[in-house]
Amino acid sequence: MVIGIFAGCNKKEDLTPADTSVKKEATEKPDPTVEPTVAPTKIEETNQTTVPELEGYTLLWNDEFEGDSLNTDTWNYEPREPGWTNNELQEYTTSTDNVFVEDGRLIIKAIKTTDAAGNDYYTSGKVTTQNKQDFTYGKVVVSAKVPRGQGLWPAIWMMPKVQEFYGEWPKCGEIDIMEVLGHQVDTAHGTIHYGEPHAQQQGTYVLEEGTFADDFHEFSVEWEPGEFRFYIDGNHYKTVNDWFTAVEGEEEKPYPAPFNQPFFVQLNLAVGGNWPGNPDETTDFDNALFEVDYVRVYQKPEYDLNVQKPVTILVEPEAGANYIRNGDFSNAEDLTDDIDWKFLLAQNGEGSAEIKDGMITILSQNAGAVDYSVQLVQPNLAMKKGSKYQVTFDAYASEERDIIVCVSAPDNGWIRYLPDTLLTLSTSMQTYTYTFDMTGKDDPNGRLEFNLGNRGSIADVHITNVRVEKIQ
């Protein structure tokens, strides 16, 4: 799983192998000239369901959850204390109150109770296939229905069998097949994490009708030596074919590391944490159920391991040009799409934005819980290592108030190229200018952010004449 506006940072897991034979295996580096390793476990004909065939694939393993309890030949319970990662609130238990099989489905249930001091206490479940169904490359298909509710965070994801092979997270890699936030159940995310420094690439899929809490949907990823392809209900929404891993100060490992080693599947339901925020009085724990109908893993007979890392060409504007598109707000564009400007709300933020008369006006009704609860952004700014940039804009507010401006890196762990900069807007128009040095890797997706959330004010903000320029 990940955190974030931020959709990703801080994920570390203790995935130490259970036996020394696995540790011995980990000392041998993957050889790109040999076929990928797969789990030796054979498929047992124990399911009544007829599993569909996929052209070009063979079924490697599956669980249709047709018994009366969790199949521990395939799955492990993974108990964890509260706060283990991402500032999540839940304790992961081995209790059948939190993890059980019923009516042909795996159910992971989050439960709210109180501790001895009378404070809210949450339990939930996490199961994995580590050391039981590990595999390298394949197509993972999961049918699931998510819970609705502020602070609920279900996930279908994968981690390497031996995390130490390339090093602790994120160097080891992480594959997130599905994450849905309980307060935004029409939207699902698929992500890979890798590298040092931490980098990520994420795709987002929004349903045109209904939500992922209304019915079961099929989430899948096709993992090949040089590419990931993410799907929901058969609809392809994200391809990733460029990643890296390295130890800080050392050369990168040969591509496609770290995603050339055995991984395993994980299913869990988190409560609270940095990304979704914590539960509130609206969260219905009677129905905090993450339901999984089936998990199916397919694999091709062979994979081409002779893959090369794509060469990224950074396309920069001409000298003196403005990197920001529609910086003078002369076009009344759609602020909900992924083209140029985008207005975003998160974690109880409420508001609206309108472009009119060469200016954007942001109206807040609720400042929300975090600075990005009310946010205006423009991504896809080409940032080149070793260059110096200048950000300028004109702004004022209906009443004196604070906002935060920054240039972030959505694909590189949300690091800041221009650090989060707090400024106080007055009621008269003023020009603001900031400079920063780009010291990270070339990045075609820098993102300018204006963050208006959680600043103790909902005063209107007016912005125009926004420029980002390369000055040396």
Protein backbone atom coordinates (compact mmCIF):
# COMPACT_ATOMS: atom_id res chain seq x y z
CA MET A 1 0.00 0.00 0.00
CA VAL A 2 0.92 3.64 -0.30
CA ILE A 3 0.22 7.03 1.23
CA GLY A 4 -0.15 10.30 -0.18
CA ILE A 5 -2.05 13.17 -1.54
CA PHE A 6 0.09 11.82 -1.81
CA ALA A 7 -0.56 8.39 -2.89
CA GLY A 8 2.75 7.07 -1.79
CA CYS A 9 5.68 7.38 0.65
CA ASN A 10 6.93 5.73 3.83
CA LYS A 11 5.95 2.14 3.04
CA LYS A 12 8.27 -0.30 4.82
CA GLU A 13 7.55 -3.89 5.61
CA ASP A 14 9.35 -6.64 7.50
CA LEU A 15 9.25 -9.49 5.01
CA THR A 16 12.11 -11.58 6.37
CA PRO A 17 11.92 -15.13 4.94
CA ALA A 18 10.71 -17.84 7.27
CA ASP A 19 13.55 -20.27 6.55
CA THR A 20 17.24 -20.22 5.69
CA SER A 21 16.74 -21.90 2.32
CA VAL A 22 14.98 -18.77 1.09
CA LYS A 23 17.83 -16.62 2.39
CA LYS A 24 20.29 -18.76 0.46
CA GLU A 25 18.24 -18.33 -2.70
CA ALA A 26 18.35 -14.58 -2.23
CA THR A 27 22.15 -14.48 -2.55
CA GLU A 28 21.87 -15.49 -6.20
CA LYS A 29 21.18 -12.56 -8.50
CA PRO A 30 18.53 -13.00 -11.23
CA ASP A 31 20.03 -14.14 -14.51
CA PRO A 32 18.23 -12.50 -17.45
CA THR A 33 19.26 -15.38 -19.70
CA VAL A 34 17.16 -17.96 -17.86
CA GLU A 35 13.43 -18.43 -17.49
CA PRO A 36 11.77 -16.71 -14.51
CA THR A 37 11.24 -18.73 -11.37
CA VAL A 38 7.73 -19.73 -10.39
CA ALA A 39 6.19 -21.31 -7.36
CA PRO A 40 6.55 -25.11 -7.46
CA THR A 41 3.11 -25.58 -5.94
CA LYS A 42 0.77 -27.43 -8.27
CA ILE A 43 -2.84 -26.45 -8.72
CA GLU A 44 -5.14 -28.70 -6.76
CA GLU A 45 -8.53 -29.49 -8.23
CA THR A 46 -10.50 -28.47 -5.13
CA ASN A 47 -12.68 -25.67 -6.50
CA GLN A 48 -16.15 -26.16 -7.89
CA THR A 49 -16.02 -23.00 -9.96
CA THR A 50 -14.91 -23.35 -13.57
CA VAL A 51 -12.07 -20.87 -13.91
CA PRO A 52 -12.03 -19.22 -17.34
CA GLU A 53 -9.07 -19.76 -19.62
CA LEU A 54 -7.14 -16.73 -20.86
CA GLU A 55 -5.63 -16.83 -24.31
CA GLY A 56 -1.85 -17.09 -24.14
CA TYR A 57 -1.86 -17.91 -20.42
CA THR A 58 -1.94 -20.98 -18.18
CA LEU A 59 -3.58 -20.88 -14.77
CA LEU A 60 -0.78 -20.92 -12.17
CA TRP A 61 -2.88 -20.88 -8.98
CA ASN A 62 -6.24 -19.62 -7.78
CA ASP A 63 -8.56 -19.41 -4.81
CA GLU A 64 -12.33 -19.18 -5.29
CA PHE A 65 -12.97 -19.16 -1.50
CA GLU A 66 -15.51 -21.97 -1.72
CA GLY A 67 -14.59 -23.62 1.58
CA ASP A 68 -15.68 -22.66 5.06
CA SER A 69 -12.37 -21.16 6.23
CA LEU A 70 -9.23 -19.51 4.90
CA ASN A 71 -7.01 -21.96 3.03
CA THR A 72 -3.75 -21.76 4.98
CA ASP A 73 -1.96 -23.84 2.37
CA THR A 74 -2.19 -20.71 0.23
CA TRP A 75 -2.58 -17.81 2.68
CA ASN A 76 -0.82 -16.51 5.78
CA TYR A 77 -2.34 -14.27 8.41
CA GLU A 78 -0.07 -11.31 9.07
CA PRO A 79 -0.71 -9.83 12.52
CA ARG A 80 0.59 -6.30 13.11
CA GLU A 81 0.34 -3.75 15.90
CA PRO A 82 -1.42 -0.39 15.39
CA GLY A 83 0.76 2.28 13.82
CA TRP A 84 2.99 -0.28 12.13
CA THR A 85 3.05 1.76 8.92
CA ASN A 86 1.56 4.90 7.35
CA ASN A 87 0.20 6.00 10.77
CA GLU A 88 -2.64 3.51 10.35
CA LEU A 89 -4.86 2.86 13.36
CA GLN A 90 -5.76 -0.82 13.03
CA GLU A 91 -4.30 -3.87 14.67
CA TYR A 92 -4.10 -6.70 12.14
CA THR A 93 -5.21 -9.88 13.93
CA THR A 94 -5.57 -13.61 13.25
CA SER A 95 -9.14 -13.57 14.54
CA THR A 96 -11.92 -15.07 12.46
CA ASP A 97 -13.92 -11.99 13.44
CA ASN A 98 -11.62 -10.01 11.15
CA VAL A 99 -10.85 -12.58 8.44
CA PHE A 100 -13.29 -15.29 7.42
CA VAL A 101 -14.75 -17.13 4.42
CA GLU A 102 -18.50 -16.98 3.86
CA ASP A 103 -20.80 -17.67 0.90
CA GLY A 104 -17.90 -18.23 -1.48
CA ARG A 105 -16.10 -15.02 -0.54
CA LEU A 106 -13.18 -13.97 1.58
CA ILE A 107 -14.30 -11.27 4.02
CA ILE A 108 -11.89 -8.88 5.72
CA LYS A 109 -13.79 -6.88 8.33
CA ALA A 110 -12.66 -3.78 10.20
CA ILE A 111 -14.06 -3.60 13.73
CA LYS A 112 -14.28 -0.58 16.03
CA THR A 113 -14.09 -1.20 19.77
CA THR A 114 -12.59 0.61 22.77
CA ASP A 115 -9.42 -0.08 24.72
CA ALA A 116 -9.04 -0.23 28.51
CA ALA A 117 -8.80 3.55 28.66
CA GLY A 118 -12.03 4.00 26.73
CA ASN A 119 -10.31 5.17 23.53
CA ASP A 120 -11.40 4.06 20.08
CA TYR A 121 -9.57 0.88 19.02
CA TYR A 122 -9.66 -0.77 15.61
CA THR A 123 -8.90 -4.31 14.44
CA SER A 124 -8.80 -5.63 10.88
CA GLY A 125 -7.16 -8.30 8.73
CA LYS A 126 -4.26 -8.79 6.37
CA VAL A 127 -3.42 -12.01 4.50
CA THR A 128 -0.50 -12.85 2.20
CA THR A 129 0.75 -15.74 0.05
CA GLN A 130 4.44 -15.25 0.94
CA ASN A 131 6.49 -18.48 0.74
CA LYS A 132 3.35 -20.35 -0.38
CA GLN A 133 2.43 -18.86 -3.76
CA ASP A 134 5.33 -16.73 -4.98
CA PHE A 135 5.87 -16.15 -8.70
CA THR A 136 7.77 -14.03 -11.20
CA TYR A 137 5.69 -12.46 -13.99
CA GLY A 138 2.09 -13.21 -14.78
CA LYS A 139 -1.44 -11.84 -14.80
CA VAL A 140 -3.16 -11.37 -11.45
CA VAL A 141 -6.96 -11.11 -11.52
CA VAL A 142 -9.00 -10.31 -8.41
CA SER A 143 -12.74 -9.76 -8.10
CA ALA A 144 -13.56 -7.61 -5.10
CA LYS A 145 -16.06 -5.24 -3.54
CA VAL A 146 -14.81 -2.46 -1.28
CA PRO A 147 -16.33 -0.86 1.83
CA ARG A 148 -17.61 2.70 1.89
CA GLY A 149 -16.61 5.01 4.74
CA GLN A 150 -14.20 7.76 5.73
CA GLY A 151 -10.84 6.28 6.78
CA LEU A 152 -11.32 2.82 5.24
CA TRP A 153 -8.52 1.74 2.88
CA PRO A 154 -8.74 -1.66 1.12
CA ALA A 155 -5.86 -2.86 -1.02
CA ILE A 156 -4.78 -5.66 -3.36
CA TRP A 157 -1.01 -5.54 -3.71
CA MET A 158 2.26 -7.42 -4.07
CA MET A 159 5.66 -7.40 -2.41
CA PRO A 160 8.86 -9.38 -3.14
CA LYS A 161 9.31 -12.77 -1.52
CA VAL A 162 12.76 -11.73 -0.28
CA GLN A 163 12.77 -8.01 0.37
CA GLU A 164 16.49 -7.93 1.12
CA PHE A 165 17.39 -9.01 -2.43
CA TYR A 166 17.59 -5.38 -3.60
CA GLY A 167 17.18 -3.75 -0.19
CA GLU A 168 14.49 -2.36 2.06
CA TRP A 169 11.46 -0.59 0.66
CA PRO A 170 11.27 1.14 -1.78
CA LYS A 171 14.38 -0.38 -3.39
CA CYS A 172 12.75 -3.83 -3.31
CA GLY A 173 9.72 -2.68 -5.36
CA GLU A 174 5.97 -2.78 -4.68
CA ILE A 175 3.04 -3.49 -7.01
CA ASP A 176 -0.33 -2.04 -5.99
CA ILE A 177 -3.04 -3.66 -8.11
CA MET A 178 -5.89 -1.78 -6.42
CA GLU A 179 -6.34 0.83 -3.72
CA VAL A 180 -9.62 2.61 -3.04
CA LEU A 181 -10.22 5.26 -0.40
CA GLY A 182 -13.47 4.78 1.51
CA HIS A 183 -14.56 8.39 1.05
CA GLN A 184 -14.01 8.23 -2.72
CA VAL A 185 -15.33 4.83 -3.76
CA ASP A 186 -15.84 5.67 -7.44
CA THR A 187 -12.06 5.94 -7.89
CA ALA A 188 -9.38 3.21 -7.89
CA HIS A 189 -5.62 3.49 -8.16
CA GLY A 190 -2.92 1.17 -9.55
CA THR A 191 0.69 1.97 -8.69
CA ILE A 192 4.25 0.69 -8.71
CA HIS A 193 6.86 1.89 -6.20
CA TYR A 194 10.61 1.52 -6.65
CA GLY A 195 14.01 3.18 -6.49
CA GLU A 196 16.14 5.12 -4.11
CA PRO A 197 15.18 7.88 -3.89
CA HIS A 198 11.60 6.63 -3.74
CA ALA A 199 9.75 6.90 -7.03
CA GLN A 200 6.30 5.78 -8.12
CA GLN A 201 4.02 5.73 -11.12
CA GLN A 202 0.27 5.62 -10.66
CA GLY A 203 -2.80 5.25 -12.78
CA THR A 204 -6.30 6.29 -11.68
CA TYR A 205 -9.61 4.90 -12.90
CA VAL A 206 -12.94 6.63 -12.21
CA LEU A 207 -16.23 4.82 -12.80
CA GLU A 208 -18.71 6.64 -15.02
CA GLU A 209 -21.61 5.14 -13.06
CA GLY A 210 -21.86 3.59 -9.61
CA THR A 211 -19.02 2.87 -7.21
CA PHE A 212 -16.65 0.06 -6.31
CA ALA A 213 -18.69 -0.32 -3.11
CA ASP A 214 -21.93 -1.08 -4.96
CA ASP A 215 -20.88 -4.32 -6.60
CA PHE A 216 -17.94 -6.57 -7.43
CA HIS A 217 -15.39 -5.36 -9.96
CA GLU A 218 -12.41 -7.14 -11.47
CA PHE A 219 -8.96 -5.63 -10.85
CA SER A 220 -5.95 -7.01 -12.71
CA VAL A 221 -2.36 -6.38 -13.67
CA GLU A 222 -0.27 -7.94 -16.42
CA TRP A 223 3.33 -8.08 -15.18
CA GLU A 224 5.99 -8.76 -17.80
CA PRO A 225 9.81 -8.33 -17.76
CA GLY A 226 9.67 -4.78 -19.12
CA GLU A 227 6.09 -3.65 -18.60
CA PHE A 228 3.08 -3.43 -16.29
CA ARG A 229 -0.45 -3.01 -17.66
CA PHE A 230 -3.30 -2.22 -15.25
CA TYR A 231 -6.98 -3.06 -15.92
CA ILE A 232 -10.36 -2.66 -14.26
CA ASP A 233 -13.24 -4.75 -15.60
CA GLY A 234 -11.07 -5.44 -18.65
CA ASN A 235 -10.49 -1.75 -19.35
CA HIS A 236 -6.81 -0.90 -19.74
CA TYR A 237 -6.04 2.36 -17.90
CA LYS A 238 -2.29 2.46 -17.17
CA THR A 239 0.96 1.16 -18.69
CA VAL A 240 4.36 1.48 -16.98
CA ASN A 241 7.62 0.42 -18.64
CA ASP A 242 10.27 2.67 -17.08
CA TRP A 243 11.61 2.20 -13.54
CA PHE A 244 14.88 1.72 -11.66
CA THR A 245 16.38 0.67 -8.38
CA ALA A 246 19.65 1.62 -6.71
CA VAL A 247 21.35 2.16 -3.40
CA GLU A 248 21.95 5.85 -2.73
CA GLY A 249 25.32 6.81 -4.22
CA GLU A 250 25.70 3.61 -6.26
CA GLU A 251 24.93 2.68 -9.86
CA GLU A 252 21.44 1.56 -10.77
CA LYS A 253 20.83 -2.20 -10.83
CA PRO A 254 20.33 -3.73 -14.28
CA TYR A 255 16.83 -3.14 -15.66
CA PRO A 256 14.21 -4.52 -15.06
CA ALA A 257 15.26 -4.69 -11.40
CA PRO A 258 13.62 -4.71 -8.90
CA PHE A 259 10.69 -6.31 -10.75
CA ASN A 260 12.59 -9.41 -11.90
CA GLN A 261 12.21 -11.50 -8.75
CA PRO A 262 9.40 -13.53 -7.13
CA PHE A 263 6.55 -11.52 -5.60
CA PHE A 264 3.52 -12.57 -3.56
CA VAL A 265 -0.07 -11.33 -3.24
CA GLN A 266 -1.49 -9.43 -0.25
CA LEU A 267 -5.04 -8.44 0.69
CA ASN A 268 -5.87 -6.10 3.56
CA LEU A 269 -8.24 -3.48 4.90
CA ALA A 270 -6.48 -0.60 6.67
CA VAL A 271 -8.16 1.93 8.95
CA GLY A 272 -6.93 5.51 8.89
CA GLY A 273 -3.46 6.57 7.86
CA ASN A 274 -1.74 9.34 5.99
CA TRP A 275 -3.59 8.94 2.72
CA PRO A 276 -7.27 8.35 3.57
CA GLY A 277 -7.32 10.18 6.88
CA ASN A 278 -8.93 8.76 9.99
CA PRO A 279 -12.52 7.55 10.45
CA ASP A 280 -15.14 9.97 11.67
CA GLU A 281 -18.69 9.80 12.99
CA THR A 282 -20.00 8.98 9.49
CA THR A 283 -17.96 5.76 9.15
CA ASP A 284 -20.25 2.73 9.41
CA PHE A 285 -18.22 -0.14 10.89
CA ASP A 286 -21.18 -2.51 10.73
CA ASN A 287 -20.57 -2.55 6.99
CA ALA A 288 -16.77 -2.17 6.94
CA LEU A 289 -16.32 -5.28 4.81
CA PHE A 290 -13.71 -5.86 2.09
CA GLU A 291 -15.12 -8.78 0.09
CA VAL A 292 -13.03 -10.85 -2.33
CA ASP A 293 -14.78 -13.27 -4.68
CA TYR A 294 -11.66 -14.82 -6.23
CA VAL A 295 -7.94 -14.47 -6.79
CA ARG A 296 -6.51 -15.98 -10.00
CA VAL A 297 -2.92 -15.91 -11.17
CA TYR A 298 -2.05 -16.84 -14.74
CA GLN A 299 1.32 -17.10 -16.45
CA LYS A 300 2.55 -17.25 -20.03
CA PRO A 301 4.55 -20.33 -21.11
CA GLU A 302 7.60 -18.11 -21.58
CA TYR A 303 8.68 -14.47 -21.37
CA ASP A 304 11.24 -12.52 -23.35
CA LEU A 305 13.79 -11.53 -20.72
CA ASN A 306 15.94 -9.53 -23.14
CA VAL A 307 14.38 -6.15 -22.39
CA GLN A 308 15.93 -2.69 -22.45
CA LYS A 309 15.01 0.31 -20.35
CA PRO A 310 13.24 2.95 -22.47
CA VAL A 311 15.17 6.15 -23.05
CA THR A 312 13.31 9.15 -21.65
CA ILE A 313 13.60 12.32 -23.72
CA LEU A 314 12.83 15.42 -21.72
CA VAL A 315 10.96 17.90 -23.92
CA GLU A 316 11.46 21.41 -22.57
CA PRO A 317 9.85 24.65 -23.74
CA GLU A 318 11.99 27.09 -25.70
CA ALA A 319 14.27 29.45 -23.79
CA GLY A 320 12.29 32.12 -21.98
CA ALA A 321 8.99 30.33 -22.50
CA ASN A 322 6.41 29.83 -19.79
CA TYR A 323 6.15 26.18 -18.71
CA ILE A 324 2.61 26.87 -17.44
CA ARG A 325 -0.20 26.49 -19.94
CA ASN A 326 -3.04 28.99 -19.65
CA GLY A 327 -1.12 30.84 -16.97
CA ASP A 328 -3.09 34.03 -17.65
CA PHE A 329 -6.39 32.13 -17.39
CA SER A 330 -7.55 33.49 -20.73
CA ASN A 331 -9.28 30.14 -21.44
CA ALA A 332 -12.17 28.98 -19.25
CA GLU A 333 -10.99 25.37 -19.28
CA ASP A 334 -12.40 22.23 -17.64
CA LEU A 335 -10.85 22.09 -14.16
CA THR A 336 -11.80 18.44 -13.59
CA ASP A 337 -9.80 16.84 -16.42
CA ASP A 338 -6.07 16.07 -16.57
CA ILE A 339 -5.27 18.79 -19.11
CA ASP A 340 -3.48 21.92 -17.87
CA TRP A 341 -5.10 23.24 -14.64
CA LYS A 342 -6.92 20.89 -12.26
CA PHE A 343 -8.88 21.68 -9.09
CA LEU A 344 -8.81 18.99 -6.39
CA LEU A 345 -10.50 18.31 -3.06
CA ALA A 346 -9.45 15.75 -0.41
CA GLN A 347 -9.99 14.81 3.24
CA ASN A 348 -13.14 16.83 3.90
CA GLY A 349 -12.14 19.80 1.79
CA GLU A 350 -15.08 21.52 0.13
CA GLY A 351 -14.97 24.24 -2.47
CA SER A 352 -15.08 25.25 -6.12
CA ALA A 353 -13.00 27.12 -8.67
CA GLU A 354 -13.93 29.29 -11.63
CA ILE A 355 -11.92 30.92 -14.42
CA LYS A 356 -13.31 34.30 -15.38
CA ASP A 357 -11.94 37.62 -16.67
CA GLY A 358 -8.34 36.39 -16.87
CA MET A 359 -8.22 35.06 -13.31
CA ILE A 360 -9.03 31.94 -11.34
CA THR A 361 -11.10 32.33 -8.18
CA ILE A 362 -11.08 29.56 -5.57
CA LEU A 363 -14.02 29.46 -3.17
CA SER A 364 -13.69 27.29 -0.06
CA GLN A 365 -16.59 26.07 2.06
CA ASN A 366 -14.53 23.73 4.26
CA ALA A 367 -10.75 23.96 4.68
CA GLY A 368 -10.45 20.21 5.30
CA ALA A 369 -7.90 18.28 7.36
CA VAL A 370 -4.69 18.76 5.34
CA ASP A 371 -3.06 21.46 3.25
CA TYR A 372 -4.04 19.71 0.01
CA SER A 373 -7.71 19.42 1.02
CA VAL A 374 -8.34 22.37 -1.34
CA GLN A 375 -5.82 22.46 -4.15
CA LEU A 376 -5.09 23.90 -7.60
CA VAL A 377 -2.36 22.14 -9.62
CA GLN A 378 -0.74 21.96 -13.01
CA PRO A 379 1.38 18.85 -13.77
CA ASN A 380 3.65 17.79 -16.66
CA LEU A 381 6.30 20.45 -16.10
CA ALA A 382 9.63 19.26 -17.54
CA MET A 383 12.24 19.61 -14.78
CA LYS A 384 15.87 19.10 -15.84
CA LYS A 385 18.63 18.18 -13.38
CA GLY A 386 21.12 21.00 -12.82
CA SER A 387 18.76 23.75 -13.96
CA LYS A 388 17.43 26.73 -12.02
CA TYR A 389 13.75 27.70 -12.20
CA GLN A 390 11.63 30.68 -11.22
CA VAL A 391 7.97 30.64 -10.18
CA THR A 392 5.96 33.88 -10.31
CA PHE A 393 2.28 34.69 -9.92
CA ASP A 394 -0.09 37.47 -8.88
CA ALA A 395 -2.61 36.80 -6.12
CA TYR A 396 -4.86 38.28 -3.44
CA ALA A 397 -7.58 37.12 -1.06
CA SER A 398 -10.93 38.47 0.08
CA GLU A 399 -9.48 38.51 3.61
CA GLU A 400 -5.86 38.14 4.71
CA ARG A 401 -5.00 34.44 4.76
CA ASP A 402 -2.23 31.86 4.25
CA ILE A 403 -1.68 29.46 1.37
CA ILE A 404 1.17 27.08 0.47
CA VAL A 405 2.90 26.93 -2.93
CA CYS A 406 5.34 24.23 -4.07
CA VAL A 407 6.61 22.28 -7.08
CA SER A 408 6.23 18.56 -6.35
CA ALA A 409 7.18 15.26 -7.98
CA PRO A 410 4.12 12.95 -8.26
CA ASP A 411 6.21 10.19 -9.87
CA ASN A 412 9.16 10.52 -7.49
CA GLY A 413 7.74 9.99 -4.04
CA TRP A 414 6.15 13.44 -3.88
CA ILE A 415 9.48 15.06 -3.06
CA ARG A 416 9.55 18.84 -3.44
CA TYR A 417 11.66 20.63 -6.04
CA LEU A 418 10.37 23.96 -4.72
CA PRO A 419 9.84 23.28 -0.99
CA ASP A 420 6.42 23.88 0.58
CA THR A 421 6.43 27.66 0.93
CA LEU A 422 3.98 29.39 3.24
CA LEU A 423 2.85 32.88 2.17
CA THR A 424 0.27 35.31 3.45
CA LEU A 425 -2.04 36.84 0.86
CA SER A 426 -3.37 40.35 1.48
CA THR A 427 -6.54 41.90 0.11
CA SER A 428 -4.60 43.74 -2.61
CA MET A 429 -2.99 42.10 -5.63
CA GLN A 430 0.70 41.34 -5.15
CA THR A 431 3.37 39.58 -7.21
CA TYR A 432 5.16 36.60 -5.64
CA THR A 433 8.48 35.22 -6.93
CA TYR A 434 10.36 32.08 -5.88
CA THR A 435 13.40 30.29 -7.33
CA PHE A 436 14.68 26.75 -6.89
CA ASP A 437 17.50 24.51 -8.12
CA MET A 438 16.59 21.18 -9.68
CA THR A 439 18.98 18.69 -8.06
CA GLY A 440 17.06 15.45 -8.71
CA LYS A 441 16.85 13.24 -11.79
CA ASP A 442 15.29 14.64 -14.96
CA ASP A 443 11.54 14.58 -14.44
CA PRO A 444 8.93 15.22 -17.16
CA ASN A 445 6.18 15.49 -14.54
CA GLY A 446 6.94 18.26 -12.09
CA ARG A 447 3.75 19.73 -10.63
CA LEU A 448 3.02 23.29 -9.51
CA GLU A 449 0.66 23.30 -6.49
CA PHE A 450 -1.37 25.96 -4.74
CA ASN A 451 -2.59 24.45 -1.44
CA LEU A 452 -5.41 26.23 0.38
CA GLY A 453 -6.53 23.56 2.83
CA ASN A 454 -6.22 23.46 6.62
CA ARG A 455 -4.97 27.05 6.94
CA GLY A 456 -7.59 28.33 9.37
CA SER A 457 -9.39 30.34 6.68
CA ILE A 458 -11.88 29.82 3.87
CA ALA A 459 -11.45 33.29 2.38
CA ASP A 460 -11.67 33.45 -1.43
CA VAL A 461 -8.35 33.34 -3.29
CA HIS A 462 -7.72 34.98 -6.69
CA ILE A 463 -4.69 34.01 -8.83
CA THR A 464 -3.41 35.09 -12.25
CA ASN A 465 -0.27 35.55 -14.38
CA VAL A 466 1.27 32.26 -13.28
CA ARG A 467 4.70 31.51 -14.78
CA VAL A 468 7.35 28.82 -14.34
CA GLU A 469 10.53 29.60 -16.27
CA LYS A 470 13.97 28.05 -16.59
CA ILE A 471 16.40 30.88 -15.74
CA GLN A 472 19.70 29.01 -16.06
